[in-house]
Amino acid sequence: MSSDPMPPRRGGVASRRGLLLAGALALPALRSAQAQREAPGFREASPRDTLATLGARANAGTIGVISGGVDGTYVRIAADLAAVLDDGDRLRVLPIIGRGSVQNISDIMFVRGVDVGIVQSDALAFVRSRRLFPGMGQTIQYIAKLYDEEVHVLARPEITRVQDLAGQRVNVDVAGSGTAMTASLIFEAMEIDATLANDPQDVALGKLRRGEIAALVYVTGKPARLFTGLGADSGLHFLALPMTPSLIETYLPARLGHEQYPGLVPAEAPVDTLAVGAVMAVYGWSAGTERHRKVAAFVQAFTGKFERFLVAPRHPKWREVNLEAQVPGWVRFNPAQEAPPPRRRY
């Protein structure tokens, strides 16, 4: 009989190592699942739950918020709404990338799953004046005025005044966007007959740098991420937009400064421009309906947790919001509205 020790069983060691590795990999998932169970509003699925009941529970507290493009302020505001207000099954906010204010109003009215939208305050007047959705009445209402968005007009070096854009090709974002709407209203008021193009803003910026267009217009809260990294070496600059009697009824005076755009605006020469309000809009659901209940719960959570939007890492534009501010020409959504009494049968 050999006195040599028996060799170790590699399969056993490998198995133990595999178990340890599997446990290490599973630990984060277990912790995540535990954290999810401990989240407010979380409810463990019951063996008696069906797919239908699970689906109904998931949708009961879900609010879709249509916002804007990936480079704009709207989508970051919608992401903040989700980060602050998500509360398990009771309330879940789904940010949705949108195509601009006019399209957002259409989506609020007609698209399933879209409950709230962020739009420019001049969008409702534009839609009504163009009769885009006849018989709107008070269908579109507002929850709150959010903040002001500045009109950015970025131009080539040889364009020194906004009036120089007459006869030139100017990009105003995609058709149906808030920028396209506001640009057309401003150019009409200033009697500037420019040729308007509808490329996405990132595409337009490339064309502007290559000299293929004279300028681009972008309505968004400053500082705009699209212009991050642009400096004096780009040869581009912002054009001033003067306030005129025809514009003062709809827009506010604003400025683009060196602190927001250090590479484009000299410290001693801020650029005067215009601003338009951003509004959190909603469909005017009748009291007593399920959709009214969902939106009312969203409004209650939004106002109750509003202080959380005023601190980092939330967008600095939240600090401009006044929940009591009125929006001329709009009707405010009333979450406390009571359902009408049932009709008596005789």
Protein backbone atom coordinates (compact mmCIF):
# COMPACT_ATOMS: atom_id res chain seq x y z
CA MET A 1 0.00 0.00 0.00
CA SER A 2 1.37 3.35 -0.94
CA SER A 3 2.14 5.80 1.82
CA ASP A 4 1.82 8.82 -0.49
CA PRO A 5 -0.90 11.23 0.63
CA MET A 6 -4.02 11.25 -1.47
CA PRO A 7 -4.11 14.10 -4.01
CA PRO A 8 -6.66 16.78 -3.37
CA ARG A 9 -9.95 16.46 -5.21
CA ARG A 10 -9.89 19.36 -7.63
CA GLY A 11 -13.56 19.11 -8.30
CA GLY A 12 -14.34 19.83 -4.65
CA VAL A 13 -12.10 22.89 -4.49
CA ALA A 14 -13.46 24.17 -7.78
CA SER A 15 -16.99 23.66 -6.56
CA ARG A 16 -16.30 25.56 -3.35
CA ARG A 17 -14.67 28.37 -5.33
CA GLY A 18 -17.64 28.44 -7.69
CA LEU A 19 -20.05 28.68 -4.78
CA LEU A 20 -18.06 31.52 -3.24
CA LEU A 21 -17.95 33.37 -6.58
CA ALA A 22 -21.67 32.85 -7.17
CA GLY A 23 -22.38 34.13 -3.67
CA ALA A 24 -20.23 37.21 -4.22
CA LEU A 25 -22.00 37.95 -7.50
CA ALA A 26 -25.44 37.38 -6.02
CA LEU A 27 -24.85 39.61 -2.97
CA PRO A 28 -25.38 42.96 -4.77
CA ALA A 29 -28.56 41.62 -6.37
CA LEU A 30 -29.83 40.44 -2.99
CA ARG A 31 -29.05 43.79 -1.43
CA SER A 32 -30.81 45.57 -4.32
CA ALA A 33 -33.86 43.35 -3.90
CA GLN A 34 -33.85 43.99 -0.15
CA ALA A 35 -33.60 47.75 -0.70
CA GLN A 36 -36.51 47.55 -3.14
CA ARG A 37 -38.62 45.68 -0.58
CA GLU A 38 -37.87 48.33 2.02
CA ALA A 39 -38.76 51.22 -0.33
CA PRO A 40 -41.91 53.18 0.58
CA GLY A 41 -44.97 51.86 -1.20
CA PHE A 42 -43.40 48.52 -2.14
CA ARG A 43 -45.74 45.54 -1.83
CA GLU A 44 -44.64 41.93 -2.20
CA ALA A 45 -46.46 39.99 -4.90
CA SER A 46 -48.94 37.47 -3.57
CA PRO A 47 -49.23 33.93 -5.00
CA ARG A 48 -52.83 34.82 -5.76
CA ASP A 49 -51.82 37.80 -7.92
CA THR A 50 -52.41 37.35 -11.64
CA LEU A 51 -50.64 39.17 -14.46
CA ALA A 52 -53.74 41.31 -14.80
CA THR A 53 -53.72 42.40 -11.14
CA LEU A 54 -49.97 43.02 -11.20
CA GLY A 55 -50.37 45.12 -14.35
CA ALA A 56 -53.26 47.09 -12.86
CA ARG A 57 -51.23 47.77 -9.71
CA ALA A 58 -48.18 48.92 -11.72
CA ASN A 59 -50.25 51.30 -13.86
CA ALA A 60 -52.40 52.69 -11.05
CA GLY A 61 -49.66 54.98 -9.80
CA THR A 62 -47.71 55.56 -13.02
CA ILE A 63 -47.52 59.07 -14.51
CA GLY A 64 -45.94 59.66 -17.94
CA VAL A 65 -44.23 63.05 -18.30
CA ILE A 66 -43.47 64.14 -21.88
CA SER A 67 -40.45 66.45 -21.91
CA GLY A 68 -38.01 67.56 -24.63
CA GLY A 69 -34.85 66.56 -26.48
CA VAL A 70 -31.81 65.01 -24.85
CA ASP A 71 -29.82 68.28 -24.87
CA GLY A 72 -32.58 70.47 -23.42
CA THR A 73 -33.67 71.46 -19.93
CA TYR A 74 -37.09 69.76 -20.08
CA VAL A 75 -35.73 66.22 -20.00
CA ARG A 76 -33.53 67.05 -17.01
CA ILE A 77 -36.54 68.55 -15.19
CA ALA A 78 -38.54 65.38 -15.94
CA ALA A 79 -35.67 63.26 -14.63
CA ASP A 80 -35.68 65.32 -11.42
CA LEU A 81 -39.42 64.71 -11.05
CA ALA A 82 -38.80 60.97 -11.24
CA ALA A 83 -35.87 61.08 -8.81
CA VAL A 84 -37.77 63.03 -6.15
CA LEU A 85 -41.33 61.73 -6.52
CA ASP A 86 -40.96 58.01 -7.28
CA ASP A 87 -42.55 56.16 -4.36
CA GLY A 88 -42.93 52.50 -5.19
CA ASP A 89 -46.34 51.39 -6.47
CA ARG A 90 -48.07 54.49 -5.11
CA LEU A 91 -46.40 56.89 -7.56
CA ARG A 92 -43.93 56.27 -10.35
CA VAL A 93 -42.88 58.98 -12.81
CA LEU A 94 -41.77 57.93 -16.30
CA PRO A 95 -39.84 60.70 -18.14
CA ILE A 96 -40.47 60.59 -21.90
CA ILE A 97 -38.35 62.32 -24.54
CA GLY A 98 -40.59 64.64 -26.56
CA ARG A 99 -40.44 66.63 -29.78
CA GLY A 100 -41.36 70.10 -28.53
CA SER A 101 -44.19 72.13 -27.07
CA VAL A 102 -46.75 71.88 -29.86
CA GLN A 103 -46.23 68.12 -30.23
CA ASN A 104 -46.31 67.75 -26.43
CA ILE A 105 -49.76 69.36 -26.28
CA SER A 106 -50.95 66.95 -28.96
CA ASP A 107 -49.45 64.02 -27.03
CA ILE A 108 -51.14 65.10 -23.78
CA MET A 109 -54.46 65.18 -25.60
CA PHE A 110 -54.25 62.01 -27.65
CA VAL A 111 -51.42 59.62 -26.66
CA ARG A 112 -52.09 56.91 -24.07
CA GLY A 113 -49.67 56.96 -21.18
CA VAL A 114 -48.91 60.68 -21.43
CA ASP A 115 -50.41 62.45 -18.41
CA VAL A 116 -48.23 65.54 -17.92
CA GLY A 117 -46.10 67.59 -20.30
CA ILE A 118 -43.60 70.43 -20.11
CA VAL A 119 -44.36 73.12 -22.68
CA GLN A 120 -43.69 76.77 -23.35
CA SER A 121 -46.29 79.20 -22.10
CA ASP A 122 -46.84 80.66 -25.58
CA ALA A 123 -47.70 77.22 -26.98
CA LEU A 124 -51.38 77.34 -26.02
CA ALA A 125 -51.91 80.70 -27.71
CA PHE A 126 -50.08 79.41 -30.80
CA VAL A 127 -52.19 76.25 -31.00
CA ARG A 128 -55.40 78.22 -30.59
CA SER A 129 -54.45 80.93 -33.10
CA ARG A 130 -53.58 78.31 -35.72
CA ARG A 131 -56.71 76.25 -34.88
CA LEU A 132 -54.58 73.12 -34.71
CA PHE A 133 -57.01 71.34 -32.36
CA PRO A 134 -60.48 72.86 -32.83
CA GLY A 135 -62.74 72.84 -29.79
CA MET A 136 -59.90 72.66 -27.26
CA GLY A 137 -61.70 74.91 -24.78
CA GLN A 138 -60.19 74.21 -21.36
CA THR A 139 -58.90 70.76 -22.29
CA ILE A 140 -55.26 71.70 -21.60
CA GLN A 141 -54.60 73.14 -18.13
CA TYR A 142 -51.50 73.81 -16.06
CA ILE A 143 -50.16 72.50 -12.77
CA ALA A 144 -47.47 75.13 -12.26
CA LYS A 145 -45.35 77.70 -14.05
CA LEU A 146 -41.83 76.35 -13.76
CA TYR A 147 -39.21 78.85 -14.86
CA ASP A 148 -38.23 81.10 -17.74
CA GLU A 149 -36.41 79.83 -20.83
CA GLU A 150 -34.10 82.09 -22.76
CA VAL A 151 -34.09 82.51 -26.55
CA HIS A 152 -30.58 81.77 -27.85
CA VAL A 153 -29.70 82.96 -31.36
CA LEU A 154 -26.22 81.71 -32.25
CA ALA A 155 -24.81 83.12 -35.48
CA ARG A 156 -21.76 83.24 -37.76
CA PRO A 157 -19.26 86.12 -37.28
CA GLU A 158 -20.49 88.21 -40.22
CA ILE A 159 -24.05 88.31 -38.83
CA THR A 160 -24.02 91.21 -36.38
CA ARG A 161 -27.77 91.96 -35.90
CA VAL A 162 -30.84 89.77 -35.88
CA GLN A 163 -32.13 91.84 -38.81
CA ASP A 164 -29.21 90.49 -40.87
CA LEU A 165 -30.95 87.11 -40.88
CA ALA A 166 -33.50 88.33 -43.45
CA GLY A 167 -33.11 86.16 -46.53
CA GLN A 168 -30.71 83.83 -44.68
CA ARG A 169 -31.12 80.17 -43.76
CA VAL A 170 -31.79 79.79 -40.01
CA ASN A 171 -32.35 76.52 -38.16
CA VAL A 172 -35.24 76.51 -35.64
CA ASP A 173 -35.20 72.88 -34.45
CA VAL A 174 -37.59 70.15 -35.61
CA ALA A 175 -41.06 71.00 -36.90
CA GLY A 176 -43.58 71.22 -34.07
CA SER A 177 -40.98 72.07 -31.46
CA GLY A 178 -41.30 74.96 -29.04
CA THR A 179 -38.26 76.62 -30.59
CA ALA A 180 -39.78 76.45 -34.09
CA MET A 181 -43.00 77.95 -32.76
CA THR A 182 -41.33 80.79 -30.83
CA ALA A 183 -38.89 81.58 -33.63
CA SER A 184 -41.72 81.94 -36.14
CA LEU A 185 -43.66 84.21 -33.77
CA ILE A 186 -40.62 86.42 -33.07
CA PHE A 187 -39.56 86.67 -36.71
CA GLU A 188 -43.13 87.54 -37.72
CA ALA A 189 -43.30 90.25 -35.04
CA MET A 190 -39.93 91.70 -36.13
CA GLU A 191 -40.77 91.33 -39.84
CA ILE A 192 -37.68 89.23 -40.55
CA ASP A 193 -38.21 87.03 -43.59
CA ALA A 194 -35.72 84.23 -43.00
CA THR A 195 -35.66 80.77 -44.55
CA LEU A 196 -36.36 78.39 -41.67
CA ALA A 197 -34.79 74.92 -41.48
CA ASN A 198 -35.84 72.08 -39.18
CA ASP A 199 -32.76 70.01 -38.36
CA PRO A 200 -32.18 68.65 -34.84
CA GLN A 201 -30.08 71.08 -32.85
CA ASP A 202 -26.90 69.00 -32.73
CA VAL A 203 -27.01 68.58 -36.53
CA ALA A 204 -27.68 72.31 -36.95
CA LEU A 205 -24.70 73.24 -34.78
CA GLY A 206 -22.43 71.22 -37.06
CA LYS A 207 -23.89 72.98 -40.11
CA LEU A 208 -23.43 76.36 -38.46
CA ARG A 209 -19.77 75.67 -37.73
CA ARG A 210 -19.27 74.64 -41.37
CA GLY A 211 -20.98 77.80 -42.62
CA GLU A 212 -23.94 75.99 -44.19
CA ILE A 213 -26.51 78.07 -42.27
CA ALA A 214 -26.38 81.64 -40.96
CA ALA A 215 -27.69 80.99 -37.45
CA LEU A 216 -29.64 78.67 -35.21
CA VAL A 217 -32.37 79.49 -32.68
CA TYR A 218 -32.71 77.48 -29.49
CA VAL A 219 -35.23 78.16 -26.71
CA THR A 220 -34.02 76.51 -23.51
CA GLY A 221 -33.05 77.33 -19.96
CA LYS A 222 -29.53 78.70 -19.62
CA PRO A 223 -26.94 77.31 -19.55
CA ALA A 224 -27.70 75.14 -22.58
CA ARG A 225 -25.64 71.96 -22.71
CA LEU A 226 -25.57 72.21 -26.52
CA PHE A 227 -23.19 75.17 -26.30
CA THR A 228 -20.86 73.67 -23.71
CA GLY A 229 -17.30 73.81 -24.94
CA LEU A 230 -17.85 76.50 -27.56
CA GLY A 231 -15.28 79.27 -27.29
CA ALA A 232 -14.14 82.38 -29.09
CA ASP A 233 -12.11 80.21 -31.47
CA SER A 234 -15.38 78.85 -32.91
CA GLY A 235 -16.11 82.24 -34.44
CA LEU A 236 -19.73 81.99 -33.28
CA HIS A 237 -21.58 84.47 -31.09
CA PHE A 238 -25.04 85.20 -29.68
CA LEU A 239 -27.23 87.87 -31.28
CA ALA A 240 -29.15 90.36 -29.17
CA LEU A 241 -32.94 90.25 -29.37
CA PRO A 242 -34.43 93.67 -28.60
CA MET A 243 -37.76 93.93 -26.81
CA THR A 244 -40.39 95.53 -29.06
CA PRO A 245 -43.97 96.61 -28.31
CA SER A 246 -45.30 93.63 -30.26
CA LEU A 247 -43.22 91.17 -28.19
CA ILE A 248 -43.66 92.60 -24.69
CA GLU A 249 -47.18 91.15 -24.40
CA THR A 250 -45.87 87.59 -24.65
CA TYR A 251 -42.20 87.55 -23.67
CA LEU A 252 -39.94 88.77 -20.89
CA PRO A 253 -36.56 90.54 -21.10
CA ALA A 254 -33.56 88.34 -20.27
CA ARG A 255 -29.78 88.20 -20.59
CA LEU A 256 -27.12 85.68 -21.55
CA GLY A 257 -24.03 86.24 -19.43
CA HIS A 258 -20.37 85.30 -19.15
CA GLU A 259 -21.08 83.12 -16.12
CA GLN A 260 -23.27 80.80 -18.23
CA TYR A 261 -21.24 80.98 -21.45
CA PRO A 262 -17.66 81.98 -20.64
CA GLY A 263 -16.41 81.10 -24.13
CA LEU A 264 -19.13 82.97 -26.03
CA VAL A 265 -20.06 86.03 -23.94
CA PRO A 266 -17.43 88.52 -22.70
CA ALA A 267 -17.69 89.41 -19.01
CA GLU A 268 -18.22 93.07 -19.82
CA ALA A 269 -20.80 92.55 -22.61
CA PRO A 270 -23.84 90.42 -21.68
CA VAL A 271 -26.29 89.77 -24.50
CA ASP A 272 -29.90 91.00 -24.20
CA THR A 273 -32.49 88.48 -25.29
CA LEU A 274 -36.07 87.34 -24.62
CA ALA A 275 -37.48 84.66 -22.35
CA VAL A 276 -40.64 82.57 -22.35
CA GLY A 277 -42.12 80.68 -19.42
CA ALA A 278 -42.05 76.89 -19.14
CA VAL A 279 -45.30 75.34 -17.91
CA MET A 280 -46.17 71.92 -16.50
CA ALA A 281 -49.28 71.14 -18.50
CA VAL A 282 -51.94 68.48 -18.05
CA TYR A 283 -55.16 67.26 -19.61
CA GLY A 284 -58.20 68.65 -17.78
CA TRP A 285 -59.68 65.34 -16.68
CA SER A 286 -63.12 65.39 -15.11
CA ALA A 287 -63.22 64.97 -11.34
CA GLY A 288 -64.05 61.46 -10.20
CA THR A 289 -62.23 59.76 -13.08
CA GLU A 290 -59.23 57.49 -12.55
CA ARG A 291 -56.98 59.79 -14.62
CA HIS A 292 -57.98 62.81 -12.50
CA ARG A 293 -57.16 60.83 -9.36
CA LYS A 294 -53.71 59.90 -10.68
CA VAL A 295 -52.83 63.46 -11.66
CA ALA A 296 -54.19 64.80 -8.36
CA ALA A 297 -51.90 62.37 -6.48
CA PHE A 298 -48.96 63.57 -8.59
CA VAL A 299 -49.75 67.22 -7.84
CA GLN A 300 -50.05 66.50 -4.11
CA ALA A 301 -46.66 64.76 -4.08
CA PHE A 302 -45.06 67.51 -6.19
CA THR A 303 -46.19 70.34 -3.91
CA GLY A 304 -45.52 68.36 -0.74
CA LYS A 305 -41.93 67.54 -1.70
CA PHE A 306 -41.15 70.75 -3.55
CA GLU A 307 -38.35 71.79 -1.18
CA ARG A 308 -36.33 68.77 -2.34
CA PHE A 309 -36.10 70.24 -5.83
CA LEU A 310 -34.26 73.30 -4.55
CA VAL A 311 -31.04 71.52 -3.51
CA ALA A 312 -28.26 69.79 -5.42
CA PRO A 313 -28.09 67.73 -7.52
CA ARG A 314 -31.40 69.05 -8.92
CA HIS A 315 -31.32 71.49 -11.85
CA PRO A 316 -30.67 75.11 -10.77
CA LYS A 317 -33.76 76.26 -12.71
CA TRP A 318 -35.93 74.81 -9.91
CA ARG A 319 -34.86 77.75 -7.73
CA GLU A 320 -36.74 80.08 -10.09
CA VAL A 321 -40.07 78.29 -9.61
CA ASN A 322 -42.90 80.06 -7.79
CA LEU A 323 -45.78 77.64 -7.21
CA GLU A 324 -48.22 80.53 -6.79
CA ALA A 325 -47.36 82.15 -10.16
CA GLN A 326 -50.24 82.55 -12.60
CA VAL A 327 -50.01 81.82 -16.32
CA PRO A 328 -52.06 84.30 -18.40
CA GLY A 329 -54.45 82.59 -20.79
CA TRP A 330 -54.29 79.23 -18.96
CA VAL A 331 -56.62 77.50 -16.48
CA ARG A 332 -55.01 75.88 -13.43
CA PHE A 333 -55.69 72.19 -12.78
CA ASN A 334 -57.65 71.76 -9.55
CA PRO A 335 -56.66 68.52 -7.75
CA ALA A 336 -59.28 69.12 -5.03
CA GLN A 337 -62.16 69.34 -7.47
CA GLU A 338 -65.03 67.16 -6.35
CA ALA A 339 -66.79 64.73 -8.61
CA PRO A 340 -70.26 65.84 -9.69
CA PRO A 341 -73.10 64.12 -7.81
CA PRO A 342 -74.68 61.16 -9.62
CA ARG A 343 -77.73 61.97 -11.69
CA ARG A 344 -80.97 60.87 -10.10
CA ARG A 345 -83.20 58.51 -11.96
CA TYR A 346 -86.90 59.04 -11.86
